[in-house]
Amino acid sequence: MNEVLKRTLNTIIDIDMSVVKRDNYGNSIKKIELFYNVNIPLDYKEFLLEYGGSFIKEDIMYQPIESTPVTPKDGFDSINCFYGFTNNNNDIEEAIKTYHEILGTDVMPIADADGGDLICLGLKEDYRDRVYYWYHEEQLVKDDGAEHLYLIANTFKEFIFKFKKHVRKIDIELDDIDIFLDEDLLKD
């Protein structure tokens, strides 16, 4: 793996969140490639074997090429974790099985975004090597033929380099806050 990429990953991944890889995952990449009938891009393969299942630090976010319906005003999005060869909900093979009917074989899920959305890696033709955001509240293809995949980066490596420390400012107007107290609470 490229040393610059590795250094970047080591700064954005939450080392305190331990990832336990399942046993005998060595042939899993080949199984995924056979399932999709593709060769997974090398930079993602190397990432998956070494960092798959990892969580991103809370204050680390990325700026997508195309904003999604849920991209905040500041233009930064975040992810919860990357899928990997794990024995939990973050297992990539389970994610592929779960979303295959919806996503098809042009893209595969590689990470869990906030709110049940997905980060996907393009595998075929025009999608190849690109990283996309799939907004789950909409069908993959709209009635007019437009897709609900939003381009994040042109390559997986570019996606990783997009991550940076970002503190989200929360603007709260005190006049906009309503407090409701239970009547039973007021009796005490």
N, C-alpha and C. Protein backbone atom coordinates (compact mmCIF):
# COMPACT_ATOMS: atom_id res chain seq x y z
N MET A 1 0.85 -1.18 0.00
CA MET A 1 0.00 0.00 0.00
C MET A 1 0.89 1.24 0.00
N ASN A 2 0.48 2.24 -0.73
CA ASN A 2 1.17 3.52 -0.82
C ASN A 2 1.38 4.09 0.59
N GLU A 3 2.60 4.53 0.91
CA GLU A 3 2.93 5.03 2.25
C GLU A 3 2.15 6.30 2.62
N VAL A 4 1.94 7.19 1.65
CA VAL A 4 1.18 8.42 1.93
C VAL A 4 -0.27 8.06 2.27
N LEU A 5 -0.82 7.12 1.54
CA LEU A 5 -2.18 6.66 1.81
C LEU A 5 -2.26 6.02 3.20
N LYS A 6 -1.27 5.22 3.52
CA LYS A 6 -1.23 4.55 4.82
C LYS A 6 -1.14 5.57 5.96
N ARG A 7 -0.30 6.59 5.80
CA ARG A 7 -0.18 7.63 6.83
C ARG A 7 -1.51 8.37 7.01
N THR A 8 -2.17 8.66 5.89
CA THR A 8 -3.47 9.33 5.96
C THR A 8 -4.48 8.46 6.70
N LEU A 9 -4.54 7.20 6.35
CA LEU A 9 -5.47 6.28 7.02
C LEU A 9 -5.18 6.21 8.52
N ASN A 10 -3.92 6.18 8.89
CA ASN A 10 -3.58 6.10 10.30
C ASN A 10 -3.97 7.35 11.08
N THR A 11 -4.18 8.48 10.39
CA THR A 11 -4.62 9.69 11.08
C THR A 11 -6.13 9.83 11.15
N ILE A 12 -6.85 9.18 10.23
CA ILE A 12 -8.32 9.34 10.22
C ILE A 12 -9.06 8.19 10.88
N ILE A 13 -8.42 7.04 11.01
CA ILE A 13 -9.08 5.87 11.59
C ILE A 13 -8.99 5.92 13.11
N ASP A 14 -10.10 5.60 13.76
CA ASP A 14 -10.17 5.59 15.21
C ASP A 14 -9.55 4.29 15.73
N ILE A 15 -8.31 4.37 16.12
CA ILE A 15 -7.54 3.20 16.59
C ILE A 15 -8.16 2.62 17.86
N ASP A 16 -8.84 3.46 18.66
CA ASP A 16 -9.43 2.99 19.91
C ASP A 16 -10.63 2.07 19.70
N MET A 17 -11.21 2.10 18.52
CA MET A 17 -12.33 1.22 18.20
C MET A 17 -11.75 -0.04 17.59
N SER A 18 -11.67 -1.09 18.37
CA SER A 18 -11.03 -2.31 17.89
C SER A 18 -11.90 -3.04 16.87
N VAL A 19 -11.23 -3.61 15.88
CA VAL A 19 -11.90 -4.36 14.83
C VAL A 19 -11.39 -5.79 14.88
N VAL A 20 -12.31 -6.73 15.01
CA VAL A 20 -11.93 -8.14 15.05
C VAL A 20 -12.30 -8.74 13.70
N LYS A 21 -11.29 -9.17 12.98
CA LYS A 21 -11.54 -9.80 11.68
C LYS A 21 -11.95 -11.26 11.92
N ARG A 22 -12.85 -11.74 11.09
CA ARG A 22 -13.26 -13.13 11.23
C ARG A 22 -12.17 -14.04 10.68
N ASP A 23 -12.19 -15.27 11.10
CA ASP A 23 -11.21 -16.25 10.65
C ASP A 23 -11.40 -16.57 9.17
N ASN A 24 -10.32 -16.97 8.54
CA ASN A 24 -10.34 -17.46 7.15
C ASN A 24 -10.97 -16.49 6.16
N TYR A 25 -10.58 -15.23 6.23
CA TYR A 25 -11.14 -14.25 5.29
C TYR A 25 -10.27 -14.09 4.04
N GLY A 26 -9.18 -14.82 3.95
CA GLY A 26 -8.24 -14.69 2.85
C GLY A 26 -8.85 -14.86 1.46
N ASN A 27 -9.77 -15.79 1.30
CA ASN A 27 -10.39 -16.03 0.00
C ASN A 27 -11.63 -15.18 -0.26
N SER A 28 -12.00 -14.35 0.70
CA SER A 28 -13.24 -13.58 0.59
C SER A 28 -13.21 -12.58 -0.55
N ILE A 29 -12.08 -11.96 -0.80
CA ILE A 29 -12.01 -11.00 -1.91
C ILE A 29 -12.27 -11.71 -3.22
N LYS A 30 -11.69 -12.89 -3.40
CA LYS A 30 -11.92 -13.66 -4.64
C LYS A 30 -13.41 -13.99 -4.77
N LYS A 31 -14.07 -14.36 -3.66
CA LYS A 31 -15.50 -14.67 -3.69
C LYS A 31 -16.30 -13.45 -4.13
N ILE A 32 -15.93 -12.28 -3.62
CA ILE A 32 -16.63 -11.04 -3.98
C ILE A 32 -16.41 -10.74 -5.46
N GLU A 33 -15.19 -10.90 -5.94
CA GLU A 33 -14.88 -10.65 -7.35
C GLU A 33 -15.66 -11.61 -8.26
N LEU A 34 -15.77 -12.85 -7.86
CA LEU A 34 -16.55 -13.82 -8.64
C LEU A 34 -18.03 -13.45 -8.63
N PHE A 35 -18.52 -13.02 -7.47
CA PHE A 35 -19.93 -12.64 -7.34
C PHE A 35 -20.28 -11.51 -8.30
N TYR A 36 -19.40 -10.50 -8.37
CA TYR A 36 -19.63 -9.34 -9.23
C TYR A 36 -19.07 -9.51 -10.65
N ASN A 37 -18.28 -10.57 -10.82
CA ASN A 37 -17.61 -10.80 -12.10
C ASN A 37 -16.73 -9.61 -12.49
N VAL A 38 -15.89 -9.18 -11.53
CA VAL A 38 -14.99 -8.04 -11.72
C VAL A 38 -13.67 -8.29 -11.00
N ASN A 39 -12.72 -7.41 -11.26
CA ASN A 39 -11.51 -7.32 -10.47
C ASN A 39 -11.64 -6.06 -9.63
N ILE A 40 -11.64 -6.21 -8.33
CA ILE A 40 -11.76 -5.05 -7.44
C ILE A 40 -10.48 -4.24 -7.55
N PRO A 41 -10.58 -2.90 -7.61
CA PRO A 41 -9.38 -2.07 -7.71
C PRO A 41 -8.37 -2.39 -6.60
N LEU A 42 -7.10 -2.42 -6.97
CA LEU A 42 -6.03 -2.84 -6.06
C LEU A 42 -5.97 -1.99 -4.79
N ASP A 43 -6.10 -0.67 -4.91
CA ASP A 43 -6.00 0.17 -3.71
C ASP A 43 -7.10 -0.16 -2.71
N TYR A 44 -8.30 -0.51 -3.21
CA TYR A 44 -9.37 -0.89 -2.29
C TYR A 44 -9.13 -2.27 -1.70
N LYS A 45 -8.62 -3.20 -2.50
CA LYS A 45 -8.30 -4.55 -1.99
C LYS A 45 -7.31 -4.45 -0.82
N GLU A 46 -6.25 -3.68 -1.03
CA GLU A 46 -5.23 -3.52 0.03
C GLU A 46 -5.85 -2.89 1.28
N PHE A 47 -6.68 -1.89 1.07
CA PHE A 47 -7.37 -1.25 2.19
C PHE A 47 -8.24 -2.25 2.94
N LEU A 48 -9.02 -3.00 2.19
CA LEU A 48 -9.96 -3.96 2.78
C LEU A 48 -9.25 -4.99 3.64
N LEU A 49 -8.13 -5.48 3.15
CA LEU A 49 -7.38 -6.49 3.92
C LEU A 49 -6.76 -5.91 5.19
N GLU A 50 -6.30 -4.68 5.12
CA GLU A 50 -5.60 -4.11 6.27
C GLU A 50 -6.49 -3.27 7.19
N TYR A 51 -7.40 -2.50 6.61
CA TYR A 51 -8.19 -1.55 7.40
C TYR A 51 -9.69 -1.83 7.38
N GLY A 52 -10.14 -2.81 6.65
CA GLY A 52 -11.57 -3.11 6.57
C GLY A 52 -12.19 -3.30 7.94
N GLY A 53 -13.38 -2.76 8.13
CA GLY A 53 -14.07 -2.84 9.42
C GLY A 53 -13.75 -1.69 10.35
N SER A 54 -12.90 -0.77 9.91
CA SER A 54 -12.46 0.34 10.76
C SER A 54 -13.50 1.45 10.86
N PHE A 55 -13.43 2.15 11.98
CA PHE A 55 -14.27 3.31 12.22
C PHE A 55 -13.45 4.57 11.99
N ILE A 56 -14.11 5.62 11.54
CA ILE A 56 -13.46 6.91 11.31
C ILE A 56 -13.65 7.76 12.56
N LYS A 57 -12.64 8.54 12.91
CA LYS A 57 -12.75 9.42 14.07
C LYS A 57 -13.93 10.36 13.90
N GLU A 58 -14.52 10.72 15.02
CA GLU A 58 -15.74 11.51 15.02
C GLU A 58 -15.60 12.87 14.32
N ASP A 59 -14.48 13.52 14.46
CA ASP A 59 -14.31 14.86 13.88
C ASP A 59 -13.62 14.84 12.52
N ILE A 60 -13.61 13.68 11.87
CA ILE A 60 -13.02 13.55 10.54
C ILE A 60 -14.14 13.41 9.51
N MET A 61 -14.15 14.30 8.52
CA MET A 61 -15.22 14.32 7.52
C MET A 61 -14.62 14.54 6.13
N TYR A 62 -15.44 14.41 5.12
CA TYR A 62 -14.99 14.60 3.74
C TYR A 62 -15.95 15.53 3.01
N GLN A 63 -15.45 16.16 1.95
CA GLN A 63 -16.29 16.98 1.08
C GLN A 63 -16.51 16.22 -0.22
N PRO A 64 -17.75 15.87 -0.53
CA PRO A 64 -18.03 15.13 -1.77
C PRO A 64 -17.96 16.05 -2.99
N ILE A 65 -17.79 15.45 -4.15
CA ILE A 65 -17.84 16.21 -5.40
C ILE A 65 -19.27 16.72 -5.61
N GLU A 66 -20.26 15.84 -5.41
CA GLU A 66 -21.67 16.21 -5.53
C GLU A 66 -22.33 16.16 -4.16
N SER A 67 -22.97 17.23 -3.77
CA SER A 67 -23.70 17.24 -2.50
C SER A 67 -24.89 16.30 -2.59
N THR A 68 -25.24 15.70 -1.48
CA THR A 68 -26.38 14.80 -1.40
C THR A 68 -27.56 15.55 -0.77
N PRO A 69 -28.74 14.93 -0.74
CA PRO A 69 -29.88 15.58 -0.06
C PRO A 69 -29.64 15.79 1.44
N VAL A 70 -28.67 15.09 2.01
CA VAL A 70 -28.42 15.21 3.45
C VAL A 70 -27.09 15.88 3.77
N THR A 71 -26.39 16.38 2.77
CA THR A 71 -25.13 17.07 3.03
C THR A 71 -25.44 18.38 3.75
N PRO A 72 -24.83 18.59 4.93
CA PRO A 72 -25.08 19.83 5.67
C PRO A 72 -24.59 21.07 4.89
N LYS A 73 -25.03 22.23 5.34
CA LYS A 73 -24.67 23.49 4.69
C LYS A 73 -23.17 23.71 4.58
N ASP A 74 -22.41 23.16 5.54
CA ASP A 74 -20.96 23.37 5.51
C ASP A 74 -20.26 22.53 4.44
N GLY A 75 -21.01 21.63 3.78
CA GLY A 75 -20.47 20.85 2.66
C GLY A 75 -19.70 19.60 3.05
N PHE A 76 -19.64 19.27 4.33
CA PHE A 76 -18.89 18.10 4.80
C PHE A 76 -19.84 16.97 5.19
N ASP A 77 -19.51 15.76 4.76
CA ASP A 77 -20.25 14.57 5.13
C ASP A 77 -19.35 13.67 5.98
N SER A 78 -19.96 12.70 6.65
CA SER A 78 -19.18 11.79 7.48
C SER A 78 -19.66 10.36 7.26
N ILE A 79 -18.86 9.42 7.71
CA ILE A 79 -19.27 8.02 7.68
C ILE A 79 -19.08 7.43 9.07
N ASN A 80 -19.77 6.35 9.32
CA ASN A 80 -19.62 5.66 10.60
C ASN A 80 -18.44 4.71 10.55
N CYS A 81 -18.47 3.79 9.59
CA CYS A 81 -17.40 2.80 9.51
C CYS A 81 -17.31 2.23 8.11
N PHE A 82 -16.16 1.66 7.82
CA PHE A 82 -15.96 0.91 6.59
C PHE A 82 -16.33 -0.54 6.85
N TYR A 83 -16.90 -1.18 5.85
CA TYR A 83 -17.17 -2.61 5.97
C TYR A 83 -15.86 -3.38 5.84
N GLY A 84 -15.83 -4.55 6.45
CA GLY A 84 -14.64 -5.39 6.41
C GLY A 84 -15.02 -6.84 6.61
N PHE A 85 -14.05 -7.67 6.85
CA PHE A 85 -14.29 -9.10 7.09
C PHE A 85 -14.41 -9.30 8.59
N THR A 86 -15.60 -8.98 9.11
CA THR A 86 -15.83 -8.99 10.55
C THR A 86 -16.93 -9.99 10.90
N ASN A 87 -17.10 -10.19 12.19
CA ASN A 87 -18.18 -11.07 12.68
C ASN A 87 -19.33 -10.24 13.24
N ASN A 88 -19.51 -9.03 12.73
CA ASN A 88 -20.58 -8.18 13.24
C ASN A 88 -21.34 -7.53 12.09
N ASN A 89 -22.11 -6.50 12.40
CA ASN A 89 -22.93 -5.82 11.39
C ASN A 89 -22.12 -5.12 10.31
N ASN A 90 -20.83 -5.02 10.47
CA ASN A 90 -19.99 -4.31 9.52
C ASN A 90 -19.30 -5.25 8.54
N ASP A 91 -19.79 -6.47 8.40
CA ASP A 91 -19.19 -7.43 7.49
C ASP A 91 -19.55 -7.09 6.05
N ILE A 92 -18.56 -6.99 5.20
CA ILE A 92 -18.79 -6.57 3.82
C ILE A 92 -19.61 -7.58 3.03
N GLU A 93 -19.37 -8.87 3.26
CA GLU A 93 -20.14 -9.87 2.52
C GLU A 93 -21.63 -9.81 2.90
N GLU A 94 -21.92 -9.56 4.16
CA GLU A 94 -23.31 -9.42 4.58
C GLU A 94 -23.94 -8.17 3.99
N ALA A 95 -23.17 -7.08 3.94
CA ALA A 95 -23.67 -5.84 3.33
C ALA A 95 -23.97 -6.05 1.85
N ILE A 96 -23.09 -6.77 1.17
CA ILE A 96 -23.30 -7.05 -0.26
C ILE A 96 -24.58 -7.86 -0.45
N LYS A 97 -24.78 -8.88 0.38
CA LYS A 97 -26.01 -9.71 0.28
C LYS A 97 -27.25 -8.86 0.56
N THR A 98 -27.17 -8.02 1.57
CA THR A 98 -28.31 -7.21 1.97
C THR A 98 -28.73 -6.23 0.88
N TYR A 99 -27.77 -5.59 0.22
CA TYR A 99 -28.08 -4.51 -0.72
C TYR A 99 -27.98 -4.90 -2.19
N HIS A 100 -27.64 -6.14 -2.48
CA HIS A 100 -27.44 -6.55 -3.87
C HIS A 100 -28.67 -6.32 -4.74
N GLU A 101 -29.84 -6.66 -4.22
CA GLU A 101 -31.06 -6.51 -5.02
C GLU A 101 -31.34 -5.04 -5.35
N ILE A 102 -30.99 -4.15 -4.45
CA ILE A 102 -31.23 -2.71 -4.66
C ILE A 102 -30.14 -2.10 -5.54
N LEU A 103 -28.87 -2.41 -5.23
CA LEU A 103 -27.75 -1.76 -5.90
C LEU A 103 -27.32 -2.43 -7.20
N GLY A 104 -27.64 -3.70 -7.36
CA GLY A 104 -27.21 -4.42 -8.56
C GLY A 104 -25.72 -4.75 -8.49
N THR A 105 -25.08 -4.83 -9.66
CA THR A 105 -23.67 -5.23 -9.69
C THR A 105 -22.74 -4.13 -10.21
N ASP A 106 -23.28 -2.94 -10.47
CA ASP A 106 -22.42 -1.84 -10.93
C ASP A 106 -21.63 -1.22 -9.79
N VAL A 107 -22.21 -1.25 -8.59
CA VAL A 107 -21.55 -0.70 -7.39
C VAL A 107 -21.71 -1.68 -6.24
N MET A 108 -20.80 -1.58 -5.28
CA MET A 108 -20.93 -2.41 -4.08
C MET A 108 -20.75 -1.53 -2.84
N PRO A 109 -21.45 -1.87 -1.76
CA PRO A 109 -21.32 -1.07 -0.54
C PRO A 109 -19.96 -1.29 0.11
N ILE A 110 -19.33 -0.18 0.53
CA ILE A 110 -18.02 -0.29 1.20
C ILE A 110 -18.01 0.36 2.57
N ALA A 111 -19.03 1.20 2.86
CA ALA A 111 -19.06 1.88 4.16
C ALA A 111 -20.48 2.26 4.51
N ASP A 112 -20.69 2.41 5.80
CA ASP A 112 -21.98 2.81 6.34
C ASP A 112 -21.94 4.31 6.59
N ALA A 113 -22.81 5.04 5.91
CA ALA A 113 -22.90 6.48 6.12
C ALA A 113 -23.96 6.75 7.18
N ASP A 114 -24.06 7.98 7.59
CA ASP A 114 -25.06 8.34 8.60
C ASP A 114 -26.47 8.08 8.09
N GLY A 115 -27.36 7.72 8.99
CA GLY A 115 -28.78 7.60 8.67
C GLY A 115 -29.18 6.44 7.80
N GLY A 116 -28.35 5.40 7.68
CA GLY A 116 -28.71 4.24 6.88
C GLY A 116 -28.32 4.34 5.42
N ASP A 117 -27.63 5.40 5.04
CA ASP A 117 -27.16 5.53 3.67
C ASP A 117 -25.85 4.77 3.51
N LEU A 118 -25.39 4.64 2.28
CA LEU A 118 -24.19 3.85 2.00
C LEU A 118 -23.17 4.62 1.19
N ILE A 119 -21.92 4.26 1.38
CA ILE A 119 -20.83 4.67 0.49
C ILE A 119 -20.57 3.44 -0.37
N CYS A 120 -20.50 3.64 -1.69
CA CYS A 120 -20.35 2.53 -2.62
C CYS A 120 -19.15 2.75 -3.53
N LEU A 121 -18.56 1.64 -3.96
CA LEU A 121 -17.46 1.66 -4.91
C LEU A 121 -17.97 1.17 -6.25
N GLY A 122 -17.70 1.94 -7.30
CA GLY A 122 -18.11 1.55 -8.64
C GLY A 122 -17.23 0.43 -9.16
N LEU A 123 -17.87 -0.57 -9.76
CA LEU A 123 -17.14 -1.75 -10.21
C LEU A 123 -17.12 -1.93 -11.73
N LYS A 124 -18.11 -1.42 -12.40
CA LYS A 124 -18.24 -1.70 -13.83
C LYS A 124 -18.41 -0.43 -14.65
N GLU A 125 -17.93 -0.50 -15.87
CA GLU A 125 -18.11 0.50 -16.92
C GLU A 125 -17.95 1.92 -16.41
N ASP A 126 -18.96 2.76 -16.62
CA ASP A 126 -18.84 4.18 -16.27
C ASP A 126 -18.64 4.41 -14.77
N TYR A 127 -19.01 3.45 -13.95
CA TYR A 127 -18.89 3.58 -12.50
C TYR A 127 -17.49 3.20 -11.99
N ARG A 128 -16.75 2.44 -12.76
CA ARG A 128 -15.49 1.82 -12.34
C ARG A 128 -14.58 2.76 -11.56
N ASP A 129 -14.16 2.31 -10.40
CA ASP A 129 -13.20 2.99 -9.50
C ASP A 129 -13.77 4.19 -8.75
N ARG A 130 -14.91 4.68 -9.12
CA ARG A 130 -15.47 5.87 -8.48
C ARG A 130 -16.17 5.52 -7.17
N VAL A 131 -16.22 6.49 -6.28
CA VAL A 131 -16.87 6.30 -4.98
C VAL A 131 -18.14 7.16 -4.97
N TYR A 132 -19.24 6.54 -4.56
CA TYR A 132 -20.55 7.19 -4.59
C TYR A 132 -21.22 7.14 -3.22
N TYR A 133 -22.15 8.07 -3.05
CA TYR A 133 -23.03 8.09 -1.89
C TYR A 133 -24.40 7.64 -2.38
N TRP A 134 -24.98 6.64 -1.73
CA TRP A 134 -26.33 6.19 -2.06
C TRP A 134 -27.27 6.66 -0.96
N TYR A 135 -28.23 7.49 -1.35
CA TYR A 135 -29.23 8.02 -0.43
C TYR A 135 -30.41 7.06 -0.40
N HIS A 136 -30.59 6.36 0.71
CA HIS A 136 -31.56 5.27 0.77
C HIS A 136 -33.02 5.69 0.76
N GLU A 137 -33.30 6.96 0.97
CA GLU A 137 -34.69 7.41 0.97
C GLU A 137 -35.29 7.47 -0.43
N GLU A 138 -34.45 7.36 -1.44
CA GLU A 138 -34.91 7.41 -2.81
C GLU A 138 -34.57 6.09 -3.50
N GLN A 139 -35.33 5.73 -4.52
CA GLN A 139 -35.00 4.54 -5.28
C GLN A 139 -33.69 4.80 -6.02
N LEU A 140 -33.00 3.73 -6.37
CA LEU A 140 -31.72 3.88 -7.05
C LEU A 140 -31.88 4.64 -8.37
N VAL A 141 -32.95 4.35 -9.10
CA VAL A 141 -33.20 5.05 -10.36
C VAL A 141 -34.57 5.72 -10.28
N LYS A 142 -34.60 7.01 -10.53
CA LYS A 142 -35.85 7.77 -10.51
C LYS A 142 -36.69 7.44 -11.75
N ASP A 143 -37.92 7.88 -11.73
CA ASP A 143 -38.81 7.66 -12.86
C ASP A 143 -38.27 8.27 -14.16
N ASP A 144 -37.52 9.37 -14.04
CA ASP A 144 -36.96 10.02 -15.24
C ASP A 144 -35.64 9.40 -15.68
N GLY A 145 -35.20 8.33 -15.01
CA GLY A 145 -33.98 7.65 -15.39
C GLY A 145 -32.73 8.14 -14.66
N ALA A 146 -32.84 9.27 -13.96
CA ALA A 146 -31.69 9.79 -13.20
C ALA A 146 -31.43 8.89 -12.00
N GLU A 147 -30.18 8.77 -11.62
CA GLU A 147 -29.81 7.89 -10.51
C GLU A 147 -29.66 8.66 -9.21
N HIS A 148 -29.81 7.94 -8.14
CA HIS A 148 -29.63 8.52 -6.82
C HIS A 148 -28.29 8.11 -6.22
N LEU A 149 -27.30 8.11 -7.05
CA LEU A 149 -25.92 7.92 -6.61
C LEU A 149 -25.24 9.28 -6.78
N TYR A 150 -24.61 9.73 -5.73
CA TYR A 150 -23.96 11.03 -5.75
C TYR A 150 -22.45 10.82 -5.71
N LEU A 151 -21.74 11.39 -6.68
CA LEU A 151 -20.30 11.19 -6.79
C LEU A 151 -19.56 11.86 -5.64
N ILE A 152 -18.75 11.06 -4.95
CA ILE A 152 -17.94 11.57 -3.86
C ILE A 152 -16.52 11.83 -4.36
N ALA A 153 -15.95 10.82 -5.06
CA ALA A 153 -14.56 10.91 -5.52
C ALA A 153 -14.39 10.04 -6.75
N ASN A 154 -13.40 10.36 -7.56
CA ASN A 154 -13.14 9.62 -8.80
C ASN A 154 -12.39 8.32 -8.58
N THR A 155 -11.74 8.17 -7.41
CA THR A 155 -11.05 6.93 -7.06
C THR A 155 -11.17 6.71 -5.55
N PHE A 156 -10.90 5.50 -5.12
CA PHE A 156 -10.92 5.22 -3.69
C PHE A 156 -9.83 6.01 -2.98
N LYS A 157 -8.66 6.07 -3.58
CA LYS A 157 -7.54 6.81 -2.98
C LYS A 157 -7.91 8.29 -2.82
N GLU A 158 -8.53 8.88 -3.84
CA GLU A 158 -8.96 10.28 -3.76
C GLU A 158 -9.97 10.45 -2.63
N PHE A 159 -10.85 9.46 -2.45
CA PHE A 159 -11.83 9.50 -1.36
C PHE A 159 -11.12 9.58 -0.01
N ILE A 160 -10.14 8.74 0.20
CA ILE A 160 -9.42 8.74 1.48
C ILE A 160 -8.73 10.08 1.71
N PHE A 161 -8.14 10.65 0.66
CA PHE A 161 -7.46 11.93 0.80
C PHE A 161 -8.42 13.10 1.03
N LYS A 162 -9.70 12.91 0.80
CA LYS A 162 -10.69 13.96 1.05
C LYS A 162 -11.00 14.12 2.54
N PHE A 163 -10.71 13.11 3.34
CA PHE A 163 -11.01 13.19 4.77
C PHE A 163 -10.08 14.19 5.45
N LYS A 164 -10.67 15.03 6.30
CA LYS A 164 -9.89 15.98 7.08
C LYS A 164 -10.64 16.33 8.35
N LYS A 165 -9.91 16.86 9.29
CA LYS A 165 -10.52 17.27 10.55
C LYS A 165 -11.47 18.42 10.27
N HIS A 166 -12.68 18.28 10.77
CA HIS A 166 -13.69 19.32 10.57
C HIS A 166 -14.61 19.33 11.78
N VAL A 167 -14.72 20.48 12.40
CA VAL A 167 -15.62 20.63 13.54
C VAL A 167 -16.86 21.34 13.03
N ARG A 168 -17.96 20.66 13.15
CA ARG A 168 -19.22 21.21 12.66
C ARG A 168 -19.75 22.24 13.65
N LYS A 169 -20.03 23.44 13.15
CA LYS A 169 -20.61 24.49 13.98
C LYS A 169 -22.11 24.27 14.02
N ILE A 170 -22.64 24.30 15.20
CA ILE A 170 -24.07 24.12 15.36
C ILE A 170 -24.65 25.45 15.79
N ASP A 171 -25.45 26.02 14.90
CA ASP A 171 -26.10 27.30 15.19
C ASP A 171 -27.46 27.03 15.79
N ILE A 172 -27.59 27.37 17.04
CA ILE A 172 -28.86 27.18 17.73
C ILE A 172 -29.33 28.54 18.23
N GLU A 173 -30.52 28.89 17.86
CA GLU A 173 -31.14 30.12 18.35
C GLU A 173 -31.96 29.75 19.58
N LEU A 174 -31.64 30.37 20.70
CA LEU A 174 -32.36 30.06 21.94
C LEU A 174 -33.85 30.34 21.81
N ASP A 175 -34.22 31.32 20.98
CA ASP A 175 -35.65 31.63 20.79
C ASP A 175 -36.38 30.51 20.05
N ASP A 176 -35.64 29.65 19.36
CA ASP A 176 -36.25 28.56 18.61
C ASP A 176 -36.46 27.30 19.45
N ILE A 177 -36.03 27.31 20.68
CA ILE A 177 -36.13 26.14 21.54
C ILE A 177 -37.39 26.23 22.39
N ASP A 178 -38.21 25.20 22.31
CA ASP A 178 -39.41 25.11 23.13
C ASP A 178 -39.18 24.05 24.18
N ILE A 179 -39.56 24.35 25.40
CA ILE A 179 -39.41 23.39 26.49
C ILE A 179 -40.82 23.00 26.95
N PHE A 180 -41.04 21.71 26.97
CA PHE A 180 -42.32 21.18 27.43
C PHE A 180 -42.06 20.36 28.67
N LEU A 181 -42.74 20.71 29.74
CA LEU A 181 -42.59 19.98 30.99
C LEU A 181 -43.86 19.19 31.26
N ASP A 182 -43.68 17.98 31.68
CA ASP A 182 -44.80 17.12 32.03
C ASP A 182 -45.50 17.72 33.24
N GLU A 183 -46.83 17.72 33.23
CA GLU A 183 -47.60 18.30 34.36
C GLU A 183 -47.30 17.59 35.66
N ASP A 184 -47.04 16.29 35.61
CA ASP A 184 -46.70 15.56 36.83
C ASP A 184 -45.40 16.07 37.42
N LEU A 185 -44.48 16.45 36.57
CA LEU A 185 -43.19 16.99 37.02
C LEU A 185 -43.41 18.33 37.72
N LEU A 186 -44.33 19.12 37.21
CA LEU A 186 -44.59 20.43 37.80
C LEU A 186 -45.27 20.35 39.16
N LYS A 187 -45.94 19.24 39.45
CA LYS A 187 -46.64 19.07 40.74
C LYS A 187 -45.67 18.86 41.88
N ASP A 188 -44.50 18.36 41.61
CA ASP A 188 -43.54 18.08 42.70
C ASP A 188 -42.96 19.29 43.26
